[in-house]
Structures are given as structure tokens and as C-alpha cells.
Amino acid sequence: MSRALLLLALGASILATDARKCYTCSKCSDNFEKKYVYEESGCSLCAKYKYADSDSVSRICASMCVSGTDTSGNRIYCCSNKDYCNSTGLLRSSCLLLLLLLLAALAVFCSQL
């Protein structure tokens, strides 16, 4: 059981490092037409920055990202679960799942020492 959990965690970490394709735009509409945004490949993560004072968003290709809300109330969504995951709607980050899997694997490994 513990080896299976460790393999699952390692597999998840390998999958998380795959290069992603992301939409990129600056102050574009949340609901957009593909012809008005750019596509970028080779990304570690995709991100979407939703401005609090308007309906506009910015989409980027990122190497690091932390989901949350900044001091101005702007929302930052990060994702790496699939290509173009920073499209419309709310994004779900797979980073939390990956972190939990890695912590579980570490706990199993440490308990066997």
C-alpha cells in the first residue's frame, strides 16, 4: 500500500512538469473568442488574473503561480491540469492535490525509517 502511494505521488509530480499550452491576453474579456487571444506553448503553468474593478482578465503563461486574492481584491487563478486551462470560468489548481500526494508519500517514507 505504501509503495503504491509513493508511486502515485511520483507519477503525479512527473505529470505536473509536462509543458502546457496557455492562452495569453492582456485585459481581455473573461468570455473570449479564440481569434482575439494568443496561444503560448512550453508553459509550466497557466494563470488568469481577474480584475476586481472590471470584467476584464489577463491570461499568462507562468513558471510559478499562487492562486488567491491580492490586496486590491484581484483574483489569481493558477492551473496546470490540461492545455488551455486558463480559458473561461473558474480555474481549479492541481497544485493542492499534488502537494497532498507528496506529503502523504513523505509521511509513509518517514514512518518506515
PDB file of N, CA and C in Angstrom:
ATOM      1  N   MET A   1       0.824  -1.197   0.000  1.00  0.00           N
ATOM      2  CA  MET A   1       0.000   0.000   0.000  1.00  0.00           C
ATOM      3  C   MET A   1       0.867   1.260   0.000  1.00  0.00           C
ATOM      4  N   SER A   2       1.883   1.283   0.871  1.00  0.00           N
ATOM      5  CA  SER A   2       2.724   2.478   0.961  1.00  0.00           C
ATOM      6  C   SER A   2       3.528   2.683  -0.318  1.00  0.00           C
ATOM      7  N   ARG A   3       3.953   1.597  -0.943  1.00  0.00           N
ATOM      8  CA  ARG A   3       4.697   1.736  -2.204  1.00  0.00           C
ATOM      9  C   ARG A   3       3.784   2.260  -3.311  1.00  0.00           C
ATOM     10  N   ALA A   4       2.541   1.813  -3.309  1.00  0.00           N
ATOM     11  CA  ALA A   4       1.588   2.289  -4.314  1.00  0.00           C
ATOM     12  C   ALA A   4       1.345   3.784  -4.151  1.00  0.00           C
ATOM     13  N   LEU A   5       1.239   4.234  -2.917  1.00  0.00           N
ATOM     14  CA  LEU A   5       1.031   5.653  -2.648  1.00  0.00           C
ATOM     15  C   LEU A   5       2.239   6.470  -3.088  1.00  0.00           C
ATOM     16  N   LEU A   6       3.418   5.949  -2.836  1.00  0.00           N
ATOM     17  CA  LEU A   6       4.639   6.630  -3.249  1.00  0.00           C
ATOM     18  C   LEU A   6       4.721   6.719  -4.771  1.00  0.00           C
ATOM     19  N   LEU A   7       4.391   5.630  -5.466  1.00  0.00           N
ATOM     20  CA  LEU A   7       4.409   5.636  -6.927  1.00  0.00           C
ATOM     21  C   LEU A   7       3.372   6.609  -7.482  1.00  0.00           C
ATOM     22  N   LEU A   8       2.216   6.667  -6.853  1.00  0.00           N
ATOM     23  CA  LEU A   8       1.185   7.601  -7.277  1.00  0.00           C
ATOM     24  C   LEU A   8       1.670   9.042  -7.132  1.00  0.00           C
ATOM     25  N   ALA A   9       2.320   9.342  -6.035  1.00  0.00           N
ATOM     26  CA  ALA A   9       2.837  10.693  -5.809  1.00  0.00           C
ATOM     27  C   ALA A   9       3.927  11.038  -6.818  1.00  0.00           C
ATOM     28  N   LEU A  10       4.811  10.103  -7.095  1.00  0.00           N
ATOM     29  CA  LEU A  10       5.868  10.355  -8.071  1.00  0.00           C
ATOM     30  C   LEU A  10       5.287  10.543  -9.465  1.00  0.00           C
ATOM     31  N   GLY A  11       4.300   9.729  -9.813  1.00  0.00           N
ATOM     32  CA  GLY A  11       3.645   9.869 -11.111  1.00  0.00           C
ATOM     33  C   GLY A  11       2.967  11.213 -11.256  1.00  0.00           C
ATOM     34  N   ALA A  12       2.322  11.662 -10.201  1.00  0.00           N
ATOM     35  CA  ALA A  12       1.651  12.964 -10.232  1.00  0.00           C
ATOM     36  C   ALA A  12       2.659  14.091 -10.395  1.00  0.00           C
ATOM     37  N   SER A  13       3.812  13.979  -9.760  1.00  0.00           N
ATOM     38  CA  SER A  13       4.816  15.035  -9.882  1.00  0.00           C
ATOM     39  C   SER A  13       5.414  15.060 -11.282  1.00  0.00           C
ATOM     40  N   ILE A  14       5.555  13.903 -11.904  1.00  0.00           N
ATOM     41  CA  ILE A  14       6.065  13.860 -13.277  1.00  0.00           C
ATOM     42  C   ILE A  14       5.049  14.478 -14.225  1.00  0.00           C
ATOM     43  N   LEU A  15       3.766  14.135 -14.057  1.00  0.00           N
ATOM     44  CA  LEU A  15       2.725  14.699 -14.905  1.00  0.00           C
ATOM     45  C   LEU A  15       2.632  16.202 -14.752  1.00  0.00           C
ATOM     46  N   ALA A  16       2.873  16.693 -13.559  1.00  0.00           N
ATOM     47  CA  ALA A  16       2.751  18.127 -13.300  1.00  0.00           C
ATOM     48  C   ALA A  16       3.842  18.933 -13.986  1.00  0.00           C
ATOM     49  N   THR A  17       4.932  18.289 -14.389  1.00  0.00           N
ATOM     50  CA  THR A  17       6.023  19.012 -15.028  1.00  0.00           C
ATOM     51  C   THR A  17       5.889  19.045 -16.548  1.00  0.00           C
ATOM     52  N   ASP A  18       4.838  18.419 -17.101  1.00  0.00           N
ATOM     53  CA  ASP A  18       4.625  18.467 -18.540  1.00  0.00           C
ATOM     54  C   ASP A  18       4.425  19.906 -18.988  1.00  0.00           C
ATOM     55  N   ALA A  19       4.930  20.216 -20.173  1.00  0.00           N
ATOM     56  CA  ALA A  19       4.739  21.554 -20.716  1.00  0.00           C
ATOM     57  C   ALA A  19       3.284  21.738 -21.118  1.00  0.00           C
ATOM     58  N   ARG A  20       2.758  22.896 -20.851  1.00  0.00           N
ATOM     59  CA  ARG A  20       1.359  23.220 -21.131  1.00  0.00           C
ATOM     60  C   ARG A  20       1.267  24.283 -22.218  1.00  0.00           C
ATOM     61  N   LYS A  21       0.123  24.316 -22.861  1.00  0.00           N
ATOM     62  CA  LYS A  21      -0.226  25.386 -23.782  1.00  0.00           C
ATOM     63  C   LYS A  21      -1.234  26.263 -23.062  1.00  0.00           C
ATOM     64  N   CYS A  22      -1.027  27.572 -23.119  1.00  0.00           N
ATOM     65  CA  CYS A  22      -1.887  28.509 -22.393  1.00  0.00           C
ATOM     66  C   CYS A  22      -2.369  29.616 -23.322  1.00  0.00           C
ATOM     67  N   TYR A  23      -3.525  30.174 -22.985  1.00  0.00           N
ATOM     68  CA  TYR A  23      -3.988  31.384 -23.648  1.00  0.00           C
ATOM     69  C   TYR A  23      -3.281  32.573 -23.013  1.00  0.00           C
ATOM     70  N   THR A  24      -2.945  33.571 -23.819  1.00  0.00           N
ATOM     71  CA  THR A  24      -2.357  34.804 -23.294  1.00  0.00           C
ATOM     72  C   THR A  24      -3.097  36.003 -23.882  1.00  0.00           C
ATOM     73  N   CYS A  25      -3.400  36.948 -23.028  1.00  0.00           N
ATOM     74  CA  CYS A  25      -4.022  38.207 -23.444  1.00  0.00           C
ATOM     75  C   CYS A  25      -3.904  39.183 -22.286  1.00  0.00           C
ATOM     76  N   SER A  26      -4.018  40.457 -22.590  1.00  0.00           N
ATOM     77  CA  SER A  26      -3.942  41.490 -21.562  1.00  0.00           C
ATOM     78  C   SER A  26      -5.249  42.273 -21.548  1.00  0.00           C
ATOM     79  N   LYS A  27      -5.892  42.287 -20.388  1.00  0.00           N
ATOM     80  CA  LYS A  27      -7.175  42.982 -20.201  1.00  0.00           C
ATOM     81  C   LYS A  27      -8.179  42.608 -21.288  1.00  0.00           C
ATOM     82  N   CYS A  28      -8.400  41.309 -21.443  1.00  0.00           N
ATOM     83  CA  CYS A  28      -9.374  40.801 -22.399  1.00  0.00           C
ATOM     84  C   CYS A  28     -10.641  40.385 -21.650  1.00  0.00           C
ATOM     85  N   SER A  29     -11.647  40.002 -22.388  1.00  0.00           N
ATOM     86  CA  SER A  29     -12.910  39.583 -21.787  1.00  0.00           C
ATOM     87  C   SER A  29     -12.758  38.188 -21.179  1.00  0.00           C
ATOM     88  N   ASP A  30     -13.467  37.933 -20.083  1.00  0.00           N
ATOM     89  CA  ASP A  30     -13.421  36.598 -19.480  1.00  0.00           C
ATOM     90  C   ASP A  30     -13.986  35.574 -20.457  1.00  0.00           C
ATOM     91  N   ASN A  31     -15.101  35.899 -21.096  1.00  0.00           N
ATOM     92  CA  ASN A  31     -15.656  35.057 -22.162  1.00  0.00           C
ATOM     93  C   ASN A  31     -15.111  35.607 -23.466  1.00  0.00           C
ATOM     94  N   PHE A  32     -14.210  34.887 -24.089  1.00  0.00           N
ATOM     95  CA  PHE A  32     -13.492  35.418 -25.235  1.00  0.00           C
ATOM     96  C   PHE A  32     -13.651  34.525 -26.452  1.00  0.00           C
ATOM     97  N   GLU A  33     -13.330  35.093 -27.599  1.00  0.00           N
ATOM     98  CA  GLU A  33     -13.242  34.324 -28.829  1.00  0.00           C
ATOM     99  C   GLU A  33     -11.768  34.033 -29.065  1.00  0.00           C
ATOM    100  N   LYS A  34     -11.474  32.815 -29.478  1.00  0.00           N
ATOM    101  CA  LYS A  34     -10.076  32.401 -29.647  1.00  0.00           C
ATOM    102  C   LYS A  34      -9.300  33.296 -30.608  1.00  0.00           C
ATOM    103  N   LYS A  35      -9.991  33.917 -31.553  1.00  0.00           N
ATOM    104  CA  LYS A  35      -9.274  34.753 -32.521  1.00  0.00           C
ATOM    105  C   LYS A  35      -8.739  36.045 -31.904  1.00  0.00           C
ATOM    106  N   TYR A  36      -9.175  36.381 -30.669  1.00  0.00           N
ATOM    107  CA  TYR A  36      -8.724  37.604 -30.011  1.00  0.00           C
ATOM    108  C   TYR A  36      -7.665  37.372 -28.936  1.00  0.00           C
ATOM    109  N   VAL A  37      -7.208  36.146 -28.783  1.00  0.00           N
ATOM    110  CA  VAL A  37      -6.161  35.849 -27.799  1.00  0.00           C
ATOM    111  C   VAL A  37      -5.027  35.096 -28.485  1.00  0.00           C
ATOM    112  N   TYR A  38      -3.877  35.087 -27.844  1.00  0.00           N
ATOM    113  CA  TYR A  38      -2.724  34.356 -28.347  1.00  0.00           C
ATOM    114  C   TYR A  38      -2.631  33.011 -27.645  1.00  0.00           C
ATOM    115  N   GLU A  39      -1.884  32.105 -28.241  1.00  0.00           N
ATOM    116  CA  GLU A  39      -1.614  30.813 -27.622  1.00  0.00           C
ATOM    117  C   GLU A  39      -0.108  30.685 -27.450  1.00  0.00           C
ATOM    118  N   GLU A  40       0.303  30.236 -26.277  1.00  0.00           N
ATOM    119  CA  GLU A  40       1.727  30.071 -25.988  1.00  0.00           C
ATOM    120  C   GLU A  40       1.959  28.645 -25.508  1.00  0.00           C
ATOM    121  N   SER A  41       3.041  28.028 -25.973  1.00  0.00           N
ATOM    122  CA  SER A  41       3.342  26.651 -25.569  1.00  0.00           C
ATOM    123  C   SER A  41       4.615  26.610 -24.730  1.00  0.00           C
ATOM    124  N   GLY A  42       4.874  25.478 -24.106  1.00  0.00           N
ATOM    125  CA  GLY A  42       6.063  25.305 -23.279  1.00  0.00           C
ATOM    126  C   GLY A  42       5.928  25.904 -21.889  1.00  0.00           C
ATOM    127  N   CYS A  43       4.711  26.099 -21.433  1.00  0.00           N
ATOM    128  CA  CYS A  43       4.459  26.735 -20.135  1.00  0.00           C
ATOM    129  C   CYS A  43       4.488  25.712 -19.006  1.00  0.00           C
ATOM    130  N   SER A  44       4.960  26.110 -17.850  1.00  0.00           N
ATOM    131  CA  SER A  44       4.865  25.272 -16.653  1.00  0.00           C
ATOM    132  C   SER A  44       3.451  25.319 -16.102  1.00  0.00           C
ATOM    133  N   LEU A  45       2.878  26.513 -16.075  1.00  0.00           N
ATOM    134  CA  LEU A  45       1.530  26.742 -15.552  1.00  0.00           C
ATOM    135  C   LEU A  45       0.824  27.765 -16.419  1.00  0.00           C
ATOM    136  N   CYS A  46      -0.489  27.714 -16.385  1.00  0.00           N
ATOM    137  CA  CYS A  46      -1.298  28.767 -16.985  1.00  0.00           C
ATOM    138  C   CYS A  46      -1.909  29.555 -15.833  1.00  0.00           C
ATOM    139  N   ALA A  47      -2.145  30.824 -16.049  1.00  0.00           N
ATOM    140  CA  ALA A  47      -2.743  31.641 -14.992  1.00  0.00           C
ATOM    141  C   ALA A  47      -3.721  32.629 -15.597  1.00  0.00           C
ATOM    142  N   LYS A  48      -4.684  33.011 -14.771  1.00  0.00           N
ATOM    143  CA  LYS A  48      -5.656  34.032 -15.158  1.00  0.00           C
ATOM    144  C   LYS A  48      -5.777  35.015 -14.003  1.00  0.00           C
ATOM    145  N   TYR A  49      -5.672  36.290 -14.326  1.00  0.00           N
ATOM    146  CA  TYR A  49      -5.744  37.375 -13.349  1.00  0.00           C
ATOM    147  C   TYR A  49      -7.059  38.106 -13.594  1.00  0.00           C
ATOM    148  N   LYS A  50      -8.006  37.996 -12.675  1.00  0.00           N
ATOM    149  CA  LYS A  50      -9.332  38.610 -12.827  1.00  0.00           C
ATOM    150  C   LYS A  50      -9.378  39.895 -12.012  1.00  0.00           C
ATOM    151  N   TYR A  51      -9.521  41.022 -12.709  1.00  0.00           N
ATOM    152  CA  TYR A  51      -9.510  42.330 -12.067  1.00  0.00           C
ATOM    153  C   TYR A  51     -10.798  42.568 -11.280  1.00  0.00           C
ATOM    154  N   ALA A  52     -10.671  43.100 -10.072  1.00  0.00           N
ATOM    155  CA  ALA A  52     -11.824  43.328  -9.194  1.00  0.00           C
ATOM    156  C   ALA A  52     -12.700  44.475  -9.679  1.00  0.00           C
ATOM    157  N   ASP A  53     -12.101  45.479 -10.313  1.00  0.00           N
ATOM    158  CA  ASP A  53     -12.848  46.683 -10.686  1.00  0.00           C
ATOM    159  C   ASP A  53     -13.435  46.654 -12.095  1.00  0.00           C
ATOM    160  N   SER A  54     -13.332  45.519 -12.792  1.00  0.00           N
ATOM    161  CA  SER A  54     -13.870  45.427 -14.153  1.00  0.00           C
ATOM    162  C   SER A  54     -14.164  43.965 -14.489  1.00  0.00           C
ATOM    163  N   ASP A  55     -14.712  43.762 -15.667  1.00  0.00           N
ATOM    164  CA  ASP A  55     -14.990  42.403 -16.132  1.00  0.00           C
ATOM    165  C   ASP A  55     -13.826  41.835 -16.933  1.00  0.00           C
ATOM    166  N   SER A  56     -12.722  42.556 -17.002  1.00  0.00           N
ATOM    167  CA  SER A  56     -11.603  42.092 -17.811  1.00  0.00           C
ATOM    168  C   SER A  56     -10.658  41.197 -17.022  1.00  0.00           C
ATOM    169  N   VAL A  57      -9.910  40.394 -17.766  1.00  0.00           N
ATOM    170  CA  VAL A  57      -8.927  39.481 -17.191  1.00  0.00           C
ATOM    171  C   VAL A  57      -7.651  39.549 -18.024  1.00  0.00           C
ATOM    172  N   SER A  58      -6.569  39.063 -17.464  1.00  0.00           N
ATOM    173  CA  SER A  58      -5.335  38.844 -18.212  1.00  0.00           C
ATOM    174  C   SER A  58      -4.981  37.381 -18.068  1.00  0.00           C
ATOM    175  N   ARG A  59      -4.548  36.782 -19.147  1.00  0.00           N
ATOM    176  CA  ARG A  59      -4.146  35.377 -19.142  1.00  0.00           C
ATOM    177  C   ARG A  59      -2.662  35.318 -19.469  1.00  0.00           C
ATOM    178  N   ILE A  60      -1.932  34.463 -18.748  1.00  0.00           N
ATOM    179  CA  ILE A  60      -0.486  34.380 -18.969  1.00  0.00           C
ATOM    180  C   ILE A  60      -0.001  32.942 -18.914  1.00  0.00           C
ATOM    181  N   CYS A  61       1.178  32.752 -19.467  1.00  0.00           N
ATOM    182  CA  CYS A  61       1.964  31.530 -19.340  1.00  0.00           C
ATOM    183  C   CYS A  61       2.942  31.809 -18.199  1.00  0.00           C
ATOM    184  N   ALA A  62       2.960  30.958 -17.181  1.00  0.00           N
ATOM    185  CA  ALA A  62       3.754  31.263 -15.986  1.00  0.00           C
ATOM    186  C   ALA A  62       4.678  30.111 -15.614  1.00  0.00           C
ATOM    187  N   SER A  63       5.781  30.451 -14.978  1.00  0.00           N
ATOM    188  CA  SER A  63       6.677  29.424 -14.445  1.00  0.00           C
ATOM    189  C   SER A  63       6.355  29.150 -12.984  1.00  0.00           C
ATOM    190  N   MET A  64       5.800  30.148 -12.290  1.00  0.00           N
ATOM    191  CA  MET A  64       5.363  29.997 -10.896  1.00  0.00           C
ATOM    192  C   MET A  64       4.053  30.748 -10.740  1.00  0.00           C
ATOM    193  N   CYS A  65       3.206  30.261  -9.833  1.00  0.00           N
ATOM    194  CA  CYS A  65       1.915  30.905  -9.638  1.00  0.00           C
ATOM    195  C   CYS A  65       1.339  30.477  -8.300  1.00  0.00           C
ATOM    196  N   VAL A  66       0.690  31.401  -7.617  1.00  0.00           N
ATOM    197  CA  VAL A  66      -0.001  31.106  -6.363  1.00  0.00           C
ATOM    198  C   VAL A  66      -1.427  31.630  -6.495  1.00  0.00           C
ATOM    199  N   SER A  67      -2.403  30.727  -6.448  1.00  0.00           N
ATOM    200  CA  SER A  67      -3.804  31.136  -6.532  1.00  0.00           C
ATOM    201  C   SER A  67      -4.197  31.907  -5.281  1.00  0.00           C
ATOM    202  N   GLY A  68      -5.053  32.891  -5.447  1.00  0.00           N
ATOM    203  CA  GLY A  68      -5.519  33.651  -4.293  1.00  0.00           C
ATOM    204  C   GLY A  68      -6.023  35.020  -4.695  1.00  0.00           C
ATOM    205  N   THR A  69      -6.130  35.898  -3.727  1.00  0.00           N
ATOM    206  CA  THR A  69      -6.609  37.261  -3.937  1.00  0.00           C
ATOM    207  C   THR A  69      -5.539  38.231  -3.451  1.00  0.00           C
ATOM    208  N   ASP A  70      -5.220  39.233  -4.279  1.00  0.00           N
ATOM    209  CA  ASP A  70      -4.220  40.211  -3.847  1.00  0.00           C
ATOM    210  C   ASP A  70      -4.881  41.294  -2.988  1.00  0.00           C
ATOM    211  N   THR A  71      -4.104  42.260  -2.538  1.00  0.00           N
ATOM    212  CA  THR A  71      -4.605  43.276  -1.610  1.00  0.00           C
ATOM    213  C   THR A  71      -5.639  44.206  -2.239  1.00  0.00           C
ATOM    214  N   SER A  72      -5.715  44.252  -3.561  1.00  0.00           N
ATOM    215  CA  SER A  72      -6.709  45.082  -4.248  1.00  0.00           C
ATOM    216  C   SER A  72      -7.991  44.321  -4.558  1.00  0.00           C
ATOM    217  N   GLY A  73      -8.043  43.049  -4.189  1.00  0.00           N
ATOM    218  CA  GLY A  73      -9.230  42.241  -4.452  1.00  0.00           C
ATOM    219  C   GLY A  73      -9.223  41.537  -5.790  1.00  0.00           C
ATOM    220  N   ASN A  74      -8.120  41.624  -6.522  1.00  0.00           N
ATOM    221  CA  ASN A  74      -7.996  40.919  -7.794  1.00  0.00           C
ATOM    222  C   ASN A  74      -7.748  39.438  -7.523  1.00  0.00           C
ATOM    223  N   ARG A  75      -8.394  38.559  -8.296  1.00  0.00           N
ATOM    224  CA  ARG A  75      -8.247  37.115  -8.109  1.00  0.00           C
ATOM    225  C   ARG A  75      -7.203  36.564  -9.072  1.00  0.00           C
ATOM    226  N   ILE A  76      -6.380  35.648  -8.571  1.00  0.00           N
ATOM    227  CA  ILE A  76      -5.376  34.975  -9.382  1.00  0.00           C
ATOM    228  C   ILE A  76      -5.698  33.489  -9.364  1.00  0.00           C
ATOM    229  N   TYR A  77      -5.909  32.925 -10.552  1.00  0.00           N
ATOM    230  CA  TYR A  77      -6.198  31.502 -10.694  1.00  0.00           C
ATOM    231  C   TYR A  77      -5.032  30.846 -11.417  1.00  0.00           C
ATOM    232  N   CYS A  78      -4.562  29.731 -10.894  1.00  0.00           N
ATOM    233  CA  CYS A  78      -3.455  29.003 -11.500  1.00  0.00           C
ATOM    234  C   CYS A  78      -3.930  27.604 -11.867  1.00  0.00           C
ATOM    235  N   CYS A  79      -3.376  27.049 -12.929  1.00  0.00           N
ATOM    236  CA  CYS A  79      -3.726  25.676 -13.281  1.00  0.00           C
ATOM    237  C   CYS A  79      -2.608  25.047 -14.092  1.00  0.00           C
ATOM    238  N   SER A  80      -2.550  23.746 -14.034  1.00  0.00           N
ATOM    239  CA  SER A  80      -1.587  23.001 -14.843  1.00  0.00           C
ATOM    240  C   SER A  80      -2.161  21.645 -15.226  1.00  0.00           C
ATOM    241  N   ASN A  81      -3.469  21.457 -15.057  1.00  0.00           N
ATOM    242  CA  ASN A  81      -4.066  20.145 -15.260  1.00  0.00           C
ATOM    243  C   ASN A  81      -4.296  19.786 -16.719  1.00  0.00           C
ATOM    244  N   LYS A  82      -4.370  20.767 -17.616  1.00  0.00           N
ATOM    245  CA  LYS A  82      -4.550  20.467 -19.038  1.00  0.00           C
ATOM    246  C   LYS A  82      -4.192  21.691 -19.866  1.00  0.00           C
ATOM    247  N   ASP A  83      -3.997  21.475 -21.155  1.00  0.00           N
ATOM    248  CA  ASP A  83      -3.721  22.589 -22.059  1.00  0.00           C
ATOM    249  C   ASP A  83      -4.896  23.558 -22.077  1.00  0.00           C
ATOM    250  N   TYR A  84      -4.584  24.831 -22.174  1.00  0.00           N
ATOM    251  CA  TYR A  84      -5.568  25.909 -22.255  1.00  0.00           C
ATOM    252  C   TYR A  84      -6.520  25.930 -21.062  1.00  0.00           C
ATOM    253  N   CYS A  85      -6.018  25.548 -19.904  1.00  0.00           N
ATOM    254  CA  CYS A  85      -6.857  25.507 -18.700  1.00  0.00           C
ATOM    255  C   CYS A  85      -7.174  26.900 -18.174  1.00  0.00           C
ATOM    256  N   ASN A  86      -6.569  27.953 -18.728  1.00  0.00           N
ATOM    257  CA  ASN A  86      -6.886  29.317 -18.288  1.00  0.00           C
ATOM    258  C   ASN A  86      -7.902  29.980 -19.218  1.00  0.00           C
ATOM    259  N   SER A  87      -8.838  29.177 -19.695  1.00  0.00           N
ATOM    260  CA  SER A  87      -9.888  29.721 -20.563  1.00  0.00           C
ATOM    261  C   SER A  87     -10.963  30.391 -19.716  1.00  0.00           C
ATOM    262  N   THR A  88     -12.222  30.211 -20.025  1.00  0.00           N
ATOM    263  CA  THR A  88     -13.295  30.890 -19.299  1.00  0.00           C
ATOM    264  C   THR A  88     -13.647  30.166 -18.014  1.00  0.00           C
ATOM    265  N   GLY A  89     -14.345  30.863 -17.126  1.00  0.00           N
ATOM    266  CA  GLY A  89     -14.799  30.262 -15.879  1.00  0.00           C
ATOM    267  C   GLY A  89     -13.705  30.191 -14.835  1.00  0.00           C
ATOM    268  N   LEU A  90     -14.047  29.649 -13.669  1.00  0.00           N
ATOM    269  CA  LEU A  90     -13.084  29.498 -12.584  1.00  0.00           C
ATOM    270  C   LEU A  90     -12.127  28.365 -12.891  1.00  0.00           C
ATOM    271  N   LEU A  91     -10.918  28.525 -12.462  1.00  0.00           N
ATOM    272  CA  LEU A  91      -9.896  27.509 -12.660  1.00  0.00           C
ATOM    273  C   LEU A  91      -9.673  26.750 -11.375  1.00  0.00           C
ATOM    274  N   ARG A  92      -9.386  25.490 -11.500  1.00  0.00           N
ATOM    275  CA  ARG A  92      -9.042  24.688 -10.330  1.00  0.00           C
ATOM    276  C   ARG A  92      -7.580  24.311 -10.447  1.00  0.00           C
ATOM    277  N   SER A  93      -6.880  24.485  -9.397  1.00  0.00           N
ATOM    278  CA  SER A  93      -5.461  24.178  -9.393  1.00  0.00           C
ATOM    279  C   SER A  93      -5.240  22.735  -8.996  1.00  0.00           C
ATOM    280  N   SER A  94      -4.365  22.063  -9.730  1.00  0.00           N
ATOM    281  CA  SER A  94      -3.996  20.703  -9.359  1.00  0.00           C
ATOM    282  C   SER A  94      -2.816  20.719  -8.394  1.00  0.00           C
ATOM    283  N   CYS A  95      -2.315  21.906  -8.086  1.00  0.00           N
ATOM    284  CA  CYS A  95      -1.162  22.009  -7.193  1.00  0.00           C
ATOM    285  C   CYS A  95      -1.474  21.494  -5.795  1.00  0.00           C
ATOM    286  N   LEU A  96      -2.671  21.760  -5.293  1.00  0.00           N
ATOM    287  CA  LEU A  96      -3.036  21.292  -3.958  1.00  0.00           C
ATOM    288  C   LEU A  96      -3.050  19.774  -3.909  1.00  0.00           C
ATOM    289  N   LEU A  97      -3.626  19.146  -4.923  1.00  0.00           N
ATOM    290  CA  LEU A  97      -3.647  17.684  -4.978  1.00  0.00           C
ATOM    291  C   LEU A  97      -2.229  17.133  -5.036  1.00  0.00           C
ATOM    292  N   LEU A  98      -1.395  17.727  -5.837  1.00  0.00           N
ATOM    293  CA  LEU A  98      -0.009  17.292  -5.939  1.00  0.00           C
ATOM    294  C   LEU A  98       0.706  17.432  -4.606  1.00  0.00           C
ATOM    295  N   LEU A  99       0.510  18.539  -3.929  1.00  0.00           N
ATOM    296  CA  LEU A  99       1.133  18.759  -2.628  1.00  0.00           C
ATOM    297  C   LEU A  99       0.665  17.718  -1.620  1.00  0.00           C
ATOM    298  N   LEU A 100      -0.629  17.432  -1.593  1.00  0.00           N
ATOM    299  CA  LEU A 100      -1.154  16.427  -0.666  1.00  0.00           C
ATOM    300  C   LEU A 100      -0.579  15.046  -0.955  1.00  0.00           C
ATOM    301  N   LEU A 101      -0.462  14.699  -2.233  1.00  0.00           N
ATOM    302  CA  LEU A 101       0.117  13.403  -2.588  1.00  0.00           C
ATOM    303  C   LEU A 101       1.583  13.309  -2.161  1.00  0.00           C
ATOM    304  N   LEU A 102       2.319  14.375  -2.385  1.00  0.00           N
ATOM    305  CA  LEU A 102       3.729  14.366  -1.998  1.00  0.00           C
ATOM    306  C   LEU A 102       3.894  14.309  -0.481  1.00  0.00           C
ATOM    307  N   LEU A 103       3.034  15.023   0.256  1.00  0.00           N
ATOM    308  CA  LEU A 103       3.092  14.963   1.722  1.00  0.00           C
ATOM    309  C   LEU A 103       2.731  13.576   2.233  1.00  0.00           C
ATOM    310  N   ALA A 104       1.753  12.933   1.610  1.00  0.00           N
ATOM    311  CA  ALA A 104       1.381  11.576   2.013  1.00  0.00           C
ATOM    312  C   ALA A 104       2.533  10.610   1.755  1.00  0.00           C
ATOM    313  N   ALA A 105       3.184  10.755   0.612  1.00  0.00           N
ATOM    314  CA  ALA A 105       4.320   9.892   0.299  1.00  0.00           C
ATOM    315  C   ALA A 105       5.465  10.121   1.281  1.00  0.00           C
ATOM    316  N   LEU A 106       5.708  11.364   1.637  1.00  0.00           N
ATOM    317  CA  LEU A 106       6.756  11.686   2.599  1.00  0.00           C
ATOM    318  C   LEU A 106       6.431  11.100   3.968  1.00  0.00           C
ATOM    319  N   ALA A 107       5.171  11.181   4.376  1.00  0.00           N
ATOM    320  CA  ALA A 107       4.758  10.621   5.668  1.00  0.00           C
ATOM    321  C   ALA A 107       4.957   9.111   5.698  1.00  0.00           C
ATOM    322  N   VAL A 108       4.605   8.450   4.607  1.00  0.00           N
ATOM    323  CA  VAL A 108       4.790   6.994   4.532  1.00  0.00           C
ATOM    324  C   VAL A 108       6.270   6.659   4.581  1.00  0.00           C
ATOM    325  N   PHE A 109       7.072   7.406   3.831  1.00  0.00           N
ATOM    326  CA  PHE A 109       8.509   7.153   3.799  1.00  0.00           C
ATOM    327  C   PHE A 109       9.132   7.361   5.178  1.00  0.00           C
ATOM    328  N   CYS A 110       8.770   8.442   5.851  1.00  0.00           N
ATOM    329  CA  CYS A 110       9.337   8.743   7.170  1.00  0.00           C
ATOM    330  C   CYS A 110       8.891   7.741   8.227  1.00  0.00           C
ATOM    331  N   SER A 111       7.689   7.219   8.092  1.00  0.00           N
ATOM    332  CA  SER A 111       7.209   6.249   9.084  1.00  0.00           C
ATOM    333  C   SER A 111       7.945   4.918   8.972  1.00  0.00           C
ATOM    334  N   GLN A 112       8.587   4.671   7.848  1.00  0.00           N
ATOM    335  CA  GLN A 112       9.317   3.421   7.658  1.00  0.00           C
ATOM    336  C   GLN A 112      10.777   3.536   8.069  1.00  0.00           C
ATOM    337  N   LEU A 113      11.220   4.696   8.473  1.00  0.00           N
ATOM    338  CA  LEU A 113      12.620   4.885   8.902  1.00  0.00           C
ATOM    339  C   LEU A 113      12.847   4.382  10.300  1.00  0.00           C
TER     340      LEU A 113
END
